[in-house]
């Protein structure tokens, strides 16, 4: 995957998260779903945990989104706050 394709995955998800946190959303869905063009729609990440843990199913770009998600939340709420205050 080239740099441009990675950005088309990471940036929109983090932009969506930023909007959710800023808007006071109670939750945000990291939805990476199925692969509709592959046999048996595999991998069926996030929704089929019967064969593999979620974190073991994520590709490198999805892991970047999760790392970035922490930075987005910390930037908006402050990294020094305890989780009970969030």
Protein backbone atom coordinates (compact mmCIF):
# COMPACT_ATOMS: atom_id res chain seq x y z
CA UNK A 1 0.00 0.00 0.00
CA UNK A 2 1.46 3.37 -0.96
CA UNK A 3 1.53 6.51 1.18
CA UNK A 4 -1.53 8.04 -0.52
CA UNK A 5 -3.65 4.89 0.07
CA UNK A 6 -2.62 4.82 3.72
CA UNK A 7 -3.74 8.40 4.17
CA UNK A 8 -7.12 7.60 2.63
CA UNK A 9 -7.61 5.01 5.38
CA UNK A 10 -6.10 6.73 8.42
CA UNK A 11 -7.08 10.38 8.00
CA UNK A 12 -10.84 9.94 7.44
CA UNK A 13 -11.17 7.64 10.46
CA UNK A 14 -9.27 10.01 12.73
CA UNK A 15 -11.20 13.00 11.37
CA UNK A 16 -14.44 11.18 12.18
CA UNK A 17 -13.17 10.38 15.68
CA UNK A 18 -12.13 13.99 16.26
CA UNK A 19 -15.63 15.13 15.32
CA UNK A 20 -17.22 12.57 17.61
CA UNK A 21 -15.07 13.52 20.62
CA UNK A 22 -15.42 17.24 20.01
CA UNK A 23 -19.18 16.87 19.62
CA UNK A 24 -19.48 14.98 22.90
CA UNK A 25 -20.41 11.62 21.39
CA UNK A 26 -20.85 8.78 23.83
CA UNK A 27 -19.20 6.30 21.46
CA UNK A 28 -17.35 5.91 18.19
CA UNK A 29 -17.23 2.81 16.00
CA UNK A 30 -13.93 1.71 14.51
CA UNK A 31 -15.66 -0.13 11.68
CA UNK A 32 -13.36 -2.03 9.35
CA UNK A 33 -15.85 -4.74 8.35
CA UNK A 34 -15.68 -7.45 5.71
CA UNK A 35 -13.93 -7.79 2.40
CA UNK A 36 -16.78 -8.09 -0.09
CA UNK A 37 -14.54 -9.07 -3.00
CA UNK A 38 -12.86 -12.09 -1.39
CA UNK A 39 -13.99 -15.67 -0.92
CA UNK A 40 -16.33 -15.96 2.10
CA UNK A 41 -15.90 -12.19 2.70
CA UNK A 42 -12.72 -12.90 4.64
CA UNK A 43 -11.23 -11.44 6.66
CA UNK A 44 -14.37 -10.50 8.59
CA UNK A 45 -12.57 -8.25 11.03
CA UNK A 46 -14.29 -6.67 14.02
CA UNK A 47 -17.40 -8.76 13.64
CA UNK A 48 -16.11 -12.34 13.68
CA UNK A 49 -14.01 -12.98 16.75
CA UNK A 50 -14.66 -16.74 16.77
CA UNK A 51 -11.32 -17.58 15.12
CA UNK A 52 -9.00 -14.74 16.09
CA UNK A 53 -8.77 -11.84 18.57
CA UNK A 54 -9.53 -8.40 17.17
CA UNK A 55 -6.04 -6.99 17.74
CA UNK A 56 -4.53 -9.96 15.91
CA UNK A 57 -6.73 -9.24 12.88
CA UNK A 58 -5.80 -5.57 12.41
CA UNK A 59 -3.45 -4.64 9.61
CA UNK A 60 -0.69 -2.04 9.94
CA UNK A 61 -2.91 0.84 8.81
CA UNK A 62 -5.66 -0.04 11.29
CA UNK A 63 -3.06 -0.19 14.06
CA UNK A 64 -1.96 3.33 13.05
CA UNK A 65 -5.57 4.49 13.40
CA UNK A 66 -5.72 3.08 16.93
CA UNK A 67 -2.44 4.76 17.88
CA UNK A 68 -3.69 8.01 16.38
CA UNK A 69 -7.02 7.66 18.20
CA UNK A 70 -5.27 7.91 21.55
CA UNK A 71 -3.48 11.06 20.42
CA UNK A 72 -6.75 12.63 19.21
CA UNK A 73 -8.54 11.96 22.50
CA UNK A 74 -5.58 13.16 24.57
CA UNK A 75 -5.31 16.33 22.46
CA UNK A 76 -8.97 17.18 23.04
CA UNK A 77 -9.31 16.10 26.68
CA UNK A 78 -5.74 16.60 27.84
CA UNK A 79 -3.34 13.74 28.43
CA UNK A 80 -2.98 14.46 32.15
CA UNK A 81 -6.57 13.66 33.10
CA UNK A 82 -7.50 10.41 34.73
CA UNK A 83 -9.85 8.14 32.83
CA UNK A 84 -12.53 8.72 35.50
CA UNK A 85 -12.77 12.37 34.52
CA UNK A 86 -13.39 11.60 30.84
